[in-house]
Amino acid sequence: WRRFVFVEQFVFGNLVLPVVLLTQLVLVGRFVFVIRVAGAARGGEEVRVREPRAVRVAGAPHPIAYKA
């Protein structure tokens, strides 16, 4: 019975740390992703408002090209 308890604590102790670290990494990754998306959305609008030519140079297709 003592062996079983020791093994259970050993396995549980080794699994908790990686799970906690992975959870923190996932949360940080999501937070950074949200910041990047928000920044890209704001940056994209600023580029379109200030310099419309920059959008075409970046490789975005012209809106009228799909209608023709």
C-alpha atoms as a PDB file:
ATOM      1  CA  TRP A   1       0.000   0.000   0.000  1.00  0.00           C
ATOM      2  CA  ARG A   2       2.844   2.382   0.758  1.00  0.00           C
ATOM      3  CA  ARG A   3       4.436   1.675  -2.609  1.00  0.00           C
ATOM      4  CA  PHE A   4       1.184   2.517  -4.373  1.00  0.00           C
ATOM      5  CA  VAL A   5       0.843   5.815  -2.491  1.00  0.00           C
ATOM      6  CA  PHE A   6       4.468   6.717  -3.230  1.00  0.00           C
ATOM      7  CA  VAL A   7       4.077   5.929  -6.926  1.00  0.00           C
ATOM      8  CA  GLU A   8       0.837   7.910  -7.078  1.00  0.00           C
ATOM      9  CA  GLN A   9       2.437  10.945  -5.439  1.00  0.00           C
ATOM     10  CA  PHE A  10       5.501  10.659  -7.664  1.00  0.00           C
ATOM     11  CA  VAL A  11       3.452  10.456 -10.865  1.00  0.00           C
ATOM     12  CA  PHE A  12       1.030  13.146  -9.734  1.00  0.00           C
ATOM     13  CA  GLY A  13       3.877  15.442  -8.723  1.00  0.00           C
ATOM     14  CA  ASN A  14       5.569  15.037 -12.096  1.00  0.00           C
ATOM     15  CA  LEU A  15       2.352  15.653 -14.026  1.00  0.00           C
ATOM     16  CA  VAL A  16       1.194  18.743 -12.146  1.00  0.00           C
ATOM     17  CA  LEU A  17       4.192  20.908 -13.001  1.00  0.00           C
ATOM     18  CA  PRO A  18       4.062  20.378 -16.790  1.00  0.00           C
ATOM     19  CA  VAL A  19       0.283  20.895 -16.815  1.00  0.00           C
ATOM     20  CA  VAL A  20       0.621  24.165 -14.900  1.00  0.00           C
ATOM     21  CA  LEU A  21       3.400  25.345 -17.205  1.00  0.00           C
ATOM     22  CA  LEU A  22       1.438  24.389 -20.315  1.00  0.00           C
ATOM     23  CA  THR A  23      -1.635  26.179 -19.019  1.00  0.00           C
ATOM     24  CA  GLN A  24       0.377  29.344 -18.423  1.00  0.00           C
ATOM     25  CA  LEU A  25       1.962  29.120 -21.870  1.00  0.00           C
ATOM     26  CA  VAL A  26      -1.425  28.674 -23.530  1.00  0.00           C
ATOM     27  CA  LEU A  27      -2.885  31.637 -21.652  1.00  0.00           C
ATOM     28  CA  VAL A  28       0.110  33.828 -22.505  1.00  0.00           C
ATOM     29  CA  GLY A  29      -0.039  32.676 -26.127  1.00  0.00           C
ATOM     30  CA  ARG A  30      -3.711  33.577 -26.406  1.00  0.00           C
ATOM     31  CA  PHE A  31      -3.086  36.963 -24.808  1.00  0.00           C
ATOM     32  CA  VAL A  32      -0.261  37.748 -27.246  1.00  0.00           C
ATOM     33  CA  PHE A  33      -2.382  36.518 -30.173  1.00  0.00           C
ATOM     34  CA  VAL A  34      -5.268  38.815 -29.187  1.00  0.00           C
ATOM     35  CA  ILE A  35      -2.883  41.771 -28.917  1.00  0.00           C
ATOM     36  CA  ARG A  36      -1.420  40.995 -32.357  1.00  0.00           C
ATOM     37  CA  VAL A  37      -4.849  40.689 -33.971  1.00  0.00           C
ATOM     38  CA  ALA A  38      -6.033  43.928 -32.367  1.00  0.00           C
ATOM     39  CA  GLY A  39      -2.837  45.696 -33.414  1.00  0.00           C
ATOM     40  CA  ALA A  40      -3.057  44.350 -36.958  1.00  0.00           C
ATOM     41  CA  ALA A  41      -6.678  45.476 -37.243  1.00  0.00           C
ATOM     42  CA  ARG A  42      -5.834  48.965 -36.058  1.00  0.00           C
ATOM     43  CA  GLY A  43      -2.648  49.080 -38.115  1.00  0.00           C
ATOM     44  CA  GLY A  44      -4.482  47.879 -41.213  1.00  0.00           C
ATOM     45  CA  GLU A  45      -7.064  50.625 -40.908  1.00  0.00           C
ATOM     46  CA  GLU A  46      -4.383  53.238 -40.428  1.00  0.00           C
ATOM     47  CA  VAL A  47      -2.505  52.052 -43.506  1.00  0.00           C
ATOM     48  CA  ARG A  48      -5.658  52.174 -45.627  1.00  0.00           C
ATOM     49  CA  VAL A  49      -6.590  55.637 -44.407  1.00  0.00           C
ATOM     50  CA  ARG A  50      -3.149  57.180 -44.706  1.00  0.00           C
ATOM     51  CA  GLU A  51      -1.767  55.455 -47.794  1.00  0.00           C
ATOM     52  CA  PRO A  52      -4.154  53.394 -49.941  1.00  0.00           C
ATOM     53  CA  ARG A  53      -1.303  52.510 -52.339  1.00  0.00           C
ATOM     54  CA  ALA A  54       0.505  50.591 -49.598  1.00  0.00           C
ATOM     55  CA  VAL A  55      -2.337  48.055 -49.548  1.00  0.00           C
ATOM     56  CA  ARG A  56      -1.892  47.255 -53.242  1.00  0.00           C
ATOM     57  CA  VAL A  57       1.883  47.037 -52.948  1.00  0.00           C
ATOM     58  CA  ALA A  58       1.533  44.590 -50.052  1.00  0.00           C
ATOM     59  CA  GLY A  59      -0.183  42.149 -52.424  1.00  0.00           C
ATOM     60  CA  ALA A  60      -3.853  42.745 -51.626  1.00  0.00           C
ATOM     61  CA  PRO A  61      -5.988  42.365 -54.776  1.00  0.00           C
ATOM     62  CA  HIS A  62      -7.892  45.359 -56.047  1.00  0.00           C
ATOM     63  CA  PRO A  63     -11.552  45.296 -54.894  1.00  0.00           C
ATOM     64  CA  ILE A  64     -12.849  45.973 -58.426  1.00  0.00           C
ATOM     65  CA  ALA A  65     -10.917  43.004 -59.865  1.00  0.00           C
ATOM     66  CA  TYR A  66     -13.416  40.520 -58.390  1.00  0.00           C
ATOM     67  CA  LYS A  67     -16.461  42.353 -59.757  1.00  0.00           C
ATOM     68  CA  ALA A  68     -15.199  42.380 -63.369  1.00  0.00           C
END
